[in-house]
Amino acid sequence: MVRSLRSKLLIITLIITGIGFFSISIKIYAQDYHLDIKSNSCQYKPGLLSTNTVPGRTLQGVITHVRDGDTFEVNGIPIRLAALDCPENSTPEGRYATSIAKAYEGVEVKCELTGARTYDRLVGYCEIQDFDFGRMMMSESSCKVWRKYDVWDCYKGDMK
C-alpha cells in the first residue's frame, strides 16, 4: 500500500513537472510574436525569433516589406526564399530584382517553411495565388536557383 502510494505520488510529480516544462516552452515560444488586435495578425518581435521552426509549417499573410529579391517580411516576419539566389542590391541587377519583388508588397502570400533559419530569417518556399514566387523571380529577373539550398528539389528541372 505504501509503495503504491509512493508510485502514484511519483507519477503525479512527473506529470506536474511535465506540464510545468511544457508551459515554460509555450511562454518562450510565444515571446517571439504578439497578437495585434487591430489587424488580427501575429507580428514578429525583432531579436526574439525562435530557432525551433518546424519543416512543412505554413505561414500565410501579407508581404509587409521587401528587403531584396530573395527576402521579404510576412506580417513583419522575415522570410528568406528557399533555393533562390538574387544579385545583391549594390548591383543594378539586384536593384532590378528588388523592384520586381517590391511590386508584391501588400499582397497575400503563403510560405511553406523548410525548418531552416538563416540569420534573422525563416526559410521557405512561397507562393502567391498558387504561383511559385521564387520561380517567378527567376523568370522575371537575374535571380537563379541555388541548388545547394533547394532542400525539397522544387527547382530540380529549372535551368537557371
N, C-alpha and C. Protein backbone atom coordinates (compact mmCIF):
# COMPACT_ATOMS: atom_id res chain seq x y z
N MET A 1 0.83 -1.18 0.00
CA MET A 1 0.00 0.00 0.00
C MET A 1 0.88 1.26 0.00
N VAL A 2 1.90 1.32 0.84
CA VAL A 2 2.79 2.48 0.90
C VAL A 2 3.54 2.61 -0.42
N ARG A 3 3.98 1.48 -0.95
CA ARG A 3 4.71 1.51 -2.21
C ARG A 3 3.80 2.02 -3.34
N SER A 4 2.56 1.59 -3.35
CA SER A 4 1.60 2.03 -4.36
C SER A 4 1.37 3.53 -4.24
N LEU A 5 1.26 4.04 -3.03
CA LEU A 5 1.06 5.46 -2.80
C LEU A 5 2.27 6.26 -3.28
N ARG A 6 3.49 5.75 -3.01
CA ARG A 6 4.71 6.41 -3.47
C ARG A 6 4.74 6.46 -5.00
N SER A 7 4.36 5.37 -5.64
CA SER A 7 4.34 5.33 -7.10
C SER A 7 3.39 6.38 -7.66
N LYS A 8 2.21 6.48 -7.06
CA LYS A 8 1.24 7.46 -7.53
C LYS A 8 1.76 8.88 -7.32
N LEU A 9 2.38 9.14 -6.19
CA LEU A 9 2.94 10.46 -5.93
C LEU A 9 4.05 10.78 -6.91
N LEU A 10 4.86 9.79 -7.24
CA LEU A 10 5.94 9.98 -8.20
C LEU A 10 5.36 10.30 -9.57
N ILE A 11 4.33 9.57 -9.98
CA ILE A 11 3.69 9.82 -11.27
C ILE A 11 3.07 11.21 -11.30
N ILE A 12 2.39 11.60 -10.24
CA ILE A 12 1.79 12.93 -10.18
C ILE A 12 2.87 14.00 -10.24
N THR A 13 3.97 13.80 -9.55
CA THR A 13 5.08 14.75 -9.59
C THR A 13 5.63 14.87 -11.01
N LEU A 14 5.81 13.74 -11.69
CA LEU A 14 6.32 13.77 -13.06
C LEU A 14 5.34 14.47 -13.99
N ILE A 15 4.07 14.21 -13.82
CA ILE A 15 3.08 14.87 -14.66
C ILE A 15 3.10 16.38 -14.44
N ILE A 16 3.14 16.80 -13.20
CA ILE A 16 3.19 18.23 -12.90
C ILE A 16 4.46 18.85 -13.45
N THR A 17 5.59 18.16 -13.30
CA THR A 17 6.85 18.65 -13.84
C THR A 17 6.74 18.77 -15.36
N GLY A 18 6.16 17.76 -16.00
CA GLY A 18 5.99 17.79 -17.45
C GLY A 18 5.12 18.95 -17.88
N ILE A 19 4.04 19.19 -17.20
CA ILE A 19 3.16 20.30 -17.53
C ILE A 19 3.89 21.62 -17.32
N GLY A 20 4.62 21.74 -16.24
CA GLY A 20 5.38 22.96 -15.99
C GLY A 20 6.40 23.22 -17.08
N PHE A 21 7.09 22.19 -17.53
CA PHE A 21 8.07 22.34 -18.61
C PHE A 21 7.38 22.75 -19.90
N PHE A 22 6.26 22.11 -20.20
CA PHE A 22 5.50 22.43 -21.41
C PHE A 22 5.03 23.88 -21.37
N SER A 23 4.56 24.32 -20.24
CA SER A 23 4.08 25.69 -20.11
C SER A 23 5.22 26.68 -20.33
N ILE A 24 6.37 26.38 -19.78
CA ILE A 24 7.53 27.26 -19.96
C ILE A 24 7.90 27.31 -21.44
N SER A 25 7.88 26.17 -22.12
CA SER A 25 8.20 26.13 -23.54
C SER A 25 7.25 27.02 -24.33
N ILE A 26 5.98 26.95 -24.02
CA ILE A 26 4.99 27.76 -24.72
C ILE A 26 5.27 29.24 -24.49
N LYS A 27 5.57 29.60 -23.26
CA LYS A 27 5.84 31.01 -22.96
C LYS A 27 7.06 31.50 -23.72
N ILE A 28 8.10 30.70 -23.79
CA ILE A 28 9.32 31.11 -24.50
C ILE A 28 9.00 31.29 -25.98
N TYR A 29 8.28 30.34 -26.57
CA TYR A 29 7.93 30.42 -27.98
C TYR A 29 7.01 31.62 -28.24
N ALA A 30 6.05 31.85 -27.37
CA ALA A 30 5.09 32.92 -27.56
C ALA A 30 5.73 34.30 -27.46
N GLN A 31 6.91 34.41 -26.85
CA GLN A 31 7.57 35.71 -26.75
C GLN A 31 8.00 36.23 -28.10
N ASP A 32 8.15 35.34 -29.09
CA ASP A 32 8.62 35.75 -30.40
C ASP A 32 7.61 36.60 -31.15
N TYR A 33 6.34 36.46 -30.82
CA TYR A 33 5.29 37.13 -31.56
C TYR A 33 4.31 37.77 -30.59
N HIS A 34 3.58 38.74 -31.07
CA HIS A 34 2.47 39.25 -30.29
C HIS A 34 1.28 39.45 -31.22
N LEU A 35 0.10 39.28 -30.69
CA LEU A 35 -1.11 39.41 -31.49
C LEU A 35 -1.50 40.87 -31.55
N ASP A 36 -1.59 41.39 -32.75
CA ASP A 36 -2.03 42.76 -32.96
C ASP A 36 -3.56 42.72 -33.09
N ILE A 37 -4.24 43.20 -32.07
CA ILE A 37 -5.71 43.12 -32.01
C ILE A 37 -6.35 43.87 -33.18
N LYS A 38 -5.82 45.03 -33.54
CA LYS A 38 -6.42 45.83 -34.61
C LYS A 38 -6.40 45.10 -35.96
N SER A 39 -5.27 44.50 -36.31
CA SER A 39 -5.17 43.82 -37.61
C SER A 39 -5.45 42.33 -37.50
N ASN A 40 -5.61 41.82 -36.27
CA ASN A 40 -5.86 40.40 -36.03
C ASN A 40 -4.78 39.54 -36.69
N SER A 41 -3.53 39.97 -36.54
CA SER A 41 -2.43 39.21 -37.12
C SER A 41 -1.31 39.07 -36.12
N CYS A 42 -0.47 38.11 -36.36
CA CYS A 42 0.66 37.84 -35.50
C CYS A 42 1.85 38.68 -35.99
N GLN A 43 2.46 39.44 -35.13
CA GLN A 43 3.58 40.30 -35.51
C GLN A 43 4.87 39.80 -34.87
N TYR A 44 5.94 39.82 -35.63
CA TYR A 44 7.25 39.39 -35.17
C TYR A 44 7.89 40.46 -34.29
N LYS A 45 8.51 40.04 -33.19
CA LYS A 45 9.28 40.96 -32.35
C LYS A 45 10.76 40.74 -32.67
N PRO A 46 11.46 41.72 -33.24
CA PRO A 46 12.86 41.55 -33.64
C PRO A 46 13.75 41.04 -32.52
N GLY A 47 14.64 40.13 -32.88
CA GLY A 47 15.65 39.64 -31.96
C GLY A 47 15.20 38.47 -31.11
N LEU A 48 13.94 38.11 -31.13
CA LEU A 48 13.47 37.03 -30.27
C LEU A 48 12.96 35.82 -31.05
N LEU A 49 13.16 35.79 -32.35
CA LEU A 49 12.61 34.72 -33.17
C LEU A 49 13.13 33.37 -32.71
N SER A 50 12.22 32.44 -32.47
CA SER A 50 12.57 31.11 -32.01
C SER A 50 13.39 30.38 -33.06
N THR A 51 14.37 29.62 -32.63
CA THR A 51 15.16 28.82 -33.55
C THR A 51 14.50 27.48 -33.83
N ASN A 52 13.40 27.18 -33.16
CA ASN A 52 12.71 25.91 -33.34
C ASN A 52 11.61 26.03 -34.37
N THR A 53 11.98 26.08 -35.66
CA THR A 53 10.97 26.11 -36.71
C THR A 53 10.67 24.68 -37.12
N VAL A 54 9.49 24.47 -37.62
CA VAL A 54 9.04 23.13 -37.96
C VAL A 54 8.94 23.00 -39.46
N PRO A 55 9.63 22.01 -40.07
CA PRO A 55 9.52 21.81 -41.51
C PRO A 55 8.08 21.52 -41.91
N GLY A 56 7.65 22.11 -43.02
CA GLY A 56 6.31 21.88 -43.51
C GLY A 56 5.25 22.79 -42.91
N ARG A 57 5.63 23.58 -41.93
CA ARG A 57 4.69 24.52 -41.33
C ARG A 57 4.41 25.65 -42.32
N THR A 58 3.19 26.12 -42.37
CA THR A 58 2.80 27.15 -43.32
C THR A 58 2.64 28.49 -42.62
N LEU A 59 3.15 29.52 -43.25
CA LEU A 59 2.98 30.89 -42.79
C LEU A 59 2.24 31.63 -43.89
N GLN A 60 1.12 32.22 -43.55
CA GLN A 60 0.32 32.92 -44.54
C GLN A 60 0.05 34.32 -44.04
N GLY A 61 0.13 35.28 -44.93
CA GLY A 61 -0.12 36.66 -44.55
C GLY A 61 0.20 37.60 -45.70
N VAL A 62 0.39 38.85 -45.37
CA VAL A 62 0.64 39.89 -46.35
C VAL A 62 2.13 40.22 -46.36
N ILE A 63 2.68 40.44 -47.54
CA ILE A 63 4.07 40.91 -47.64
C ILE A 63 4.08 42.35 -47.16
N THR A 64 4.69 42.56 -46.00
CA THR A 64 4.67 43.89 -45.39
C THR A 64 5.91 44.72 -45.73
N HIS A 65 6.98 44.04 -46.17
CA HIS A 65 8.21 44.76 -46.52
C HIS A 65 9.08 43.85 -47.38
N VAL A 66 9.72 44.41 -48.39
CA VAL A 66 10.66 43.67 -49.24
C VAL A 66 12.05 44.20 -48.95
N ARG A 67 12.94 43.31 -48.54
CA ARG A 67 14.33 43.71 -48.27
C ARG A 67 15.15 43.69 -49.54
N ASP A 68 15.00 42.60 -50.31
CA ASP A 68 15.70 42.45 -51.58
C ASP A 68 14.99 41.37 -52.39
N GLY A 69 15.59 40.94 -53.47
CA GLY A 69 14.93 39.99 -54.36
C GLY A 69 14.58 38.65 -53.73
N ASP A 70 15.34 38.22 -52.74
CA ASP A 70 15.07 36.91 -52.15
C ASP A 70 14.69 36.95 -50.67
N THR A 71 14.39 38.13 -50.15
CA THR A 71 13.98 38.25 -48.75
C THR A 71 12.87 39.29 -48.61
N PHE A 72 11.79 38.88 -47.97
CA PHE A 72 10.73 39.81 -47.64
C PHE A 72 10.17 39.46 -46.28
N GLU A 73 9.25 40.29 -45.80
CA GLU A 73 8.64 40.05 -44.49
C GLU A 73 7.14 39.79 -44.69
N VAL A 74 6.65 38.79 -43.99
CA VAL A 74 5.23 38.46 -44.00
C VAL A 74 4.68 38.82 -42.62
N ASN A 75 3.81 39.82 -42.57
CA ASN A 75 3.31 40.34 -41.30
C ASN A 75 4.45 40.68 -40.36
N GLY A 76 5.55 41.16 -40.91
CA GLY A 76 6.70 41.55 -40.11
C GLY A 76 7.68 40.43 -39.82
N ILE A 77 7.39 39.20 -40.25
CA ILE A 77 8.28 38.05 -40.02
C ILE A 77 9.18 37.88 -41.23
N PRO A 78 10.51 37.97 -41.06
CA PRO A 78 11.43 37.86 -42.19
C PRO A 78 11.45 36.45 -42.78
N ILE A 79 11.33 36.38 -44.10
CA ILE A 79 11.35 35.11 -44.84
C ILE A 79 12.41 35.17 -45.91
N ARG A 80 13.27 34.18 -45.94
CA ARG A 80 14.29 34.02 -46.99
C ARG A 80 13.73 32.98 -47.95
N LEU A 81 13.57 33.34 -49.21
CA LEU A 81 13.04 32.40 -50.19
C LEU A 81 14.04 31.27 -50.41
N ALA A 82 13.57 30.05 -50.20
CA ALA A 82 14.43 28.87 -50.31
C ALA A 82 14.93 28.71 -51.74
N ALA A 83 16.19 28.37 -51.87
CA ALA A 83 16.83 27.99 -53.13
C ALA A 83 16.91 29.12 -54.16
N LEU A 84 16.65 30.35 -53.75
CA LEU A 84 16.70 31.46 -54.68
C LEU A 84 17.95 32.29 -54.41
N ASP A 85 18.69 32.58 -55.45
CA ASP A 85 19.90 33.39 -55.34
C ASP A 85 19.74 34.60 -56.24
N CYS A 86 19.54 35.75 -55.61
CA CYS A 86 19.38 37.01 -56.36
C CYS A 86 20.63 37.86 -56.16
N PRO A 87 20.97 38.67 -57.16
CA PRO A 87 22.11 39.58 -57.01
C PRO A 87 21.87 40.56 -55.87
N GLU A 88 22.93 41.04 -55.29
CA GLU A 88 22.85 41.98 -54.17
C GLU A 88 22.33 43.34 -54.64
N ASN A 89 21.72 44.08 -53.71
CA ASN A 89 21.17 45.40 -54.02
C ASN A 89 22.22 46.41 -54.45
N SER A 90 23.48 46.11 -54.21
CA SER A 90 24.56 47.03 -54.60
C SER A 90 24.83 46.97 -56.11
N THR A 91 24.15 46.07 -56.82
CA THR A 91 24.32 45.94 -58.26
C THR A 91 23.04 46.36 -58.98
N PRO A 92 23.14 46.77 -60.24
CA PRO A 92 21.92 47.13 -61.00
C PRO A 92 20.95 45.94 -61.11
N GLU A 93 21.49 44.73 -61.29
CA GLU A 93 20.65 43.54 -61.39
C GLU A 93 19.91 43.28 -60.08
N GLY A 94 20.59 43.51 -58.96
CA GLY A 94 19.98 43.33 -57.64
C GLY A 94 18.88 44.34 -57.37
N ARG A 95 19.13 45.58 -57.75
CA ARG A 95 18.10 46.61 -57.58
C ARG A 95 16.88 46.31 -58.45
N TYR A 96 17.12 45.78 -59.64
CA TYR A 96 16.01 45.43 -60.53
C TYR A 96 15.20 44.27 -59.92
N ALA A 97 15.87 43.25 -59.41
CA ALA A 97 15.17 42.12 -58.77
C ALA A 97 14.36 42.61 -57.57
N THR A 98 14.93 43.50 -56.78
CA THR A 98 14.22 44.05 -55.63
C THR A 98 12.98 44.83 -56.07
N SER A 99 13.11 45.58 -57.16
CA SER A 99 11.96 46.36 -57.65
C SER A 99 10.83 45.43 -58.10
N ILE A 100 11.15 44.30 -58.67
CA ILE A 100 10.12 43.32 -59.06
C ILE A 100 9.43 42.79 -57.81
N ALA A 101 10.21 42.41 -56.81
CA ALA A 101 9.64 41.87 -55.57
C ALA A 101 8.80 42.93 -54.86
N LYS A 102 9.24 44.20 -54.88
CA LYS A 102 8.51 45.27 -54.19
C LYS A 102 7.11 45.47 -54.77
N ALA A 103 6.92 45.09 -56.02
CA ALA A 103 5.59 45.21 -56.63
C ALA A 103 4.57 44.34 -55.90
N TYR A 104 5.04 43.39 -55.08
CA TYR A 104 4.15 42.48 -54.36
C TYR A 104 3.94 42.86 -52.90
N GLU A 105 4.46 44.00 -52.46
CA GLU A 105 4.18 44.46 -51.11
C GLU A 105 2.67 44.68 -50.97
N GLY A 106 2.11 44.21 -49.86
CA GLY A 106 0.69 44.33 -49.62
C GLY A 106 -0.14 43.19 -50.18
N VAL A 107 0.52 42.24 -50.84
CA VAL A 107 -0.17 41.10 -51.45
C VAL A 107 -0.12 39.90 -50.51
N GLU A 108 -1.18 39.11 -50.51
CA GLU A 108 -1.27 37.89 -49.70
C GLU A 108 -0.30 36.84 -50.24
N VAL A 109 0.47 36.21 -49.34
CA VAL A 109 1.44 35.18 -49.71
C VAL A 109 1.31 34.01 -48.76
N LYS A 110 1.64 32.84 -49.25
CA LYS A 110 1.63 31.63 -48.42
C LYS A 110 3.01 30.98 -48.55
N CYS A 111 3.67 30.76 -47.41
CA CYS A 111 5.02 30.19 -47.42
C CYS A 111 5.03 28.88 -46.66
N GLU A 112 5.59 27.85 -47.27
CA GLU A 112 5.79 26.59 -46.58
C GLU A 112 7.23 26.59 -46.08
N LEU A 113 7.39 26.58 -44.76
CA LEU A 113 8.71 26.72 -44.15
C LEU A 113 9.47 25.40 -44.20
N THR A 114 10.78 25.49 -44.44
CA THR A 114 11.62 24.29 -44.54
C THR A 114 12.10 23.82 -43.17
N GLY A 115 12.00 24.69 -42.17
CA GLY A 115 12.53 24.36 -40.85
C GLY A 115 13.91 24.98 -40.62
N ALA A 116 14.49 25.53 -41.69
CA ALA A 116 15.81 26.15 -41.58
C ALA A 116 15.66 27.64 -41.23
N ARG A 117 16.76 28.19 -40.75
CA ARG A 117 16.87 29.62 -40.47
C ARG A 117 18.19 30.10 -41.01
N THR A 118 18.21 31.33 -41.45
CA THR A 118 19.45 31.95 -41.84
C THR A 118 19.43 33.38 -41.31
N TYR A 119 20.40 33.69 -40.47
CA TYR A 119 20.44 34.97 -39.77
C TYR A 119 19.12 35.17 -39.03
N ASP A 120 18.41 36.26 -39.29
CA ASP A 120 17.15 36.51 -38.57
C ASP A 120 15.93 36.02 -39.34
N ARG A 121 16.15 35.22 -40.40
CA ARG A 121 15.05 34.87 -41.30
C ARG A 121 14.69 33.39 -41.24
N LEU A 122 13.40 33.12 -41.38
CA LEU A 122 12.93 31.76 -41.61
C LEU A 122 13.08 31.50 -43.10
N VAL A 123 13.24 30.24 -43.48
CA VAL A 123 13.42 29.89 -44.89
C VAL A 123 12.19 29.16 -45.37
N GLY A 124 11.70 29.54 -46.54
CA GLY A 124 10.50 28.88 -47.05
C GLY A 124 10.32 29.03 -48.54
N TYR A 125 9.51 28.13 -49.09
CA TYR A 125 9.06 28.20 -50.48
C TYR A 125 7.73 28.94 -50.44
N CYS A 126 7.60 30.01 -51.21
CA CYS A 126 6.41 30.86 -51.11
C CYS A 126 5.66 30.94 -52.44
N GLU A 127 4.35 31.13 -52.31
CA GLU A 127 3.53 31.28 -53.50
C GLU A 127 2.49 32.38 -53.29
N ILE A 128 2.16 32.98 -54.42
CA ILE A 128 1.11 34.00 -54.45
C ILE A 128 0.06 33.50 -55.43
N GLN A 129 -1.17 33.38 -54.97
CA GLN A 129 -2.28 32.87 -55.79
C GLN A 129 -1.88 31.59 -56.52
N ASP A 130 -1.33 30.63 -55.77
CA ASP A 130 -0.92 29.31 -56.28
C ASP A 130 0.19 29.38 -57.33
N PHE A 131 0.92 30.48 -57.40
CA PHE A 131 2.05 30.59 -58.32
C PHE A 131 3.32 30.74 -57.51
N ASP A 132 4.34 29.95 -57.81
CA ASP A 132 5.59 29.93 -57.08
C ASP A 132 6.33 31.26 -57.24
N PHE A 133 6.53 31.95 -56.11
CA PHE A 133 7.17 33.27 -56.12
C PHE A 133 8.63 33.18 -56.57
N GLY A 134 9.36 32.18 -56.10
CA GLY A 134 10.76 32.01 -56.49
C GLY A 134 10.91 31.77 -57.98
N ARG A 135 10.07 30.92 -58.53
CA ARG A 135 10.12 30.63 -59.97
C ARG A 135 9.79 31.90 -60.77
N MET A 136 8.84 32.69 -60.29
CA MET A 136 8.51 33.95 -60.96
C MET A 136 9.72 34.88 -60.93
N MET A 137 10.41 34.97 -59.78
CA MET A 137 11.58 35.83 -59.69
C MET A 137 12.68 35.37 -60.63
N MET A 138 12.82 34.05 -60.81
CA MET A 138 13.83 33.53 -61.74
C MET A 138 13.48 33.87 -63.18
N SER A 139 12.21 33.85 -63.53
CA SER A 139 11.83 34.12 -64.91
C SER A 139 11.81 35.61 -65.23
N GLU A 140 11.58 36.47 -64.23
CA GLU A 140 11.44 37.91 -64.46
C GLU A 140 12.71 38.71 -64.19
N SER A 141 13.71 38.11 -63.55
CA SER A 141 14.92 38.86 -63.20
C SER A 141 16.15 37.96 -63.36
N SER A 142 17.27 38.43 -62.87
CA SER A 142 18.50 37.65 -62.97
C SER A 142 18.70 36.73 -61.76
N CYS A 143 17.67 36.53 -60.95
CA CYS A 143 17.75 35.57 -59.85
C CYS A 143 17.84 34.16 -60.45
N LYS A 144 18.50 33.27 -59.73
CA LYS A 144 18.63 31.90 -60.23
C LYS A 144 18.49 30.90 -59.09
N VAL A 145 18.43 29.64 -59.47
CA VAL A 145 18.32 28.57 -58.48
C VAL A 145 19.65 28.43 -57.74
N TRP A 146 19.57 28.28 -56.45
CA TRP A 146 20.73 27.97 -55.63
C TRP A 146 20.53 26.52 -55.22
N ARG A 147 20.96 25.61 -56.09
CA ARG A 147 20.67 24.17 -55.95
C ARG A 147 21.04 23.61 -54.58
N LYS A 148 22.12 24.08 -54.03
CA LYS A 148 22.58 23.60 -52.72
C LYS A 148 21.49 23.75 -51.66
N TYR A 149 20.65 24.78 -51.78
CA TYR A 149 19.62 25.05 -50.78
C TYR A 149 18.21 24.69 -51.24
N ASP A 150 18.11 23.98 -52.35
CA ASP A 150 16.80 23.51 -52.82
C ASP A 150 16.51 22.18 -52.12
N VAL A 151 16.24 22.27 -50.83
CA VAL A 151 16.14 21.08 -49.97
C VAL A 151 14.98 20.16 -50.34
N TRP A 152 13.96 20.67 -51.02
CA TRP A 152 12.82 19.83 -51.41
C TRP A 152 12.82 19.57 -52.91
N ASP A 153 13.92 19.91 -53.60
CA ASP A 153 14.04 19.71 -55.05
C ASP A 153 12.88 20.31 -55.84
N CYS A 154 12.43 21.45 -55.42
CA CYS A 154 11.32 22.12 -56.12
C CYS A 154 11.75 22.65 -57.49
N TYR A 155 13.02 22.98 -57.63
CA TYR A 155 13.50 23.58 -58.87
C TYR A 155 14.47 22.66 -59.59
N LYS A 156 14.36 21.39 -59.37
CA LYS A 156 15.28 20.40 -59.92
C LYS A 156 15.40 20.53 -61.44
N GLY A 157 14.32 20.79 -62.13
CA GLY A 157 14.33 20.88 -63.60
C GLY A 157 14.63 22.25 -64.13
N ASP A 158 14.74 23.26 -63.29
CA ASP A 158 14.99 24.62 -63.76
C ASP A 158 16.43 24.78 -64.23
N MET A 159 16.62 25.48 -65.33
CA MET A 159 17.94 25.61 -65.95
C MET A 159 18.77 26.75 -65.38
N LYS A 160 18.15 27.82 -64.92
CA LYS A 160 18.91 28.98 -64.44
C LYS A 160 19.75 28.65 -63.24
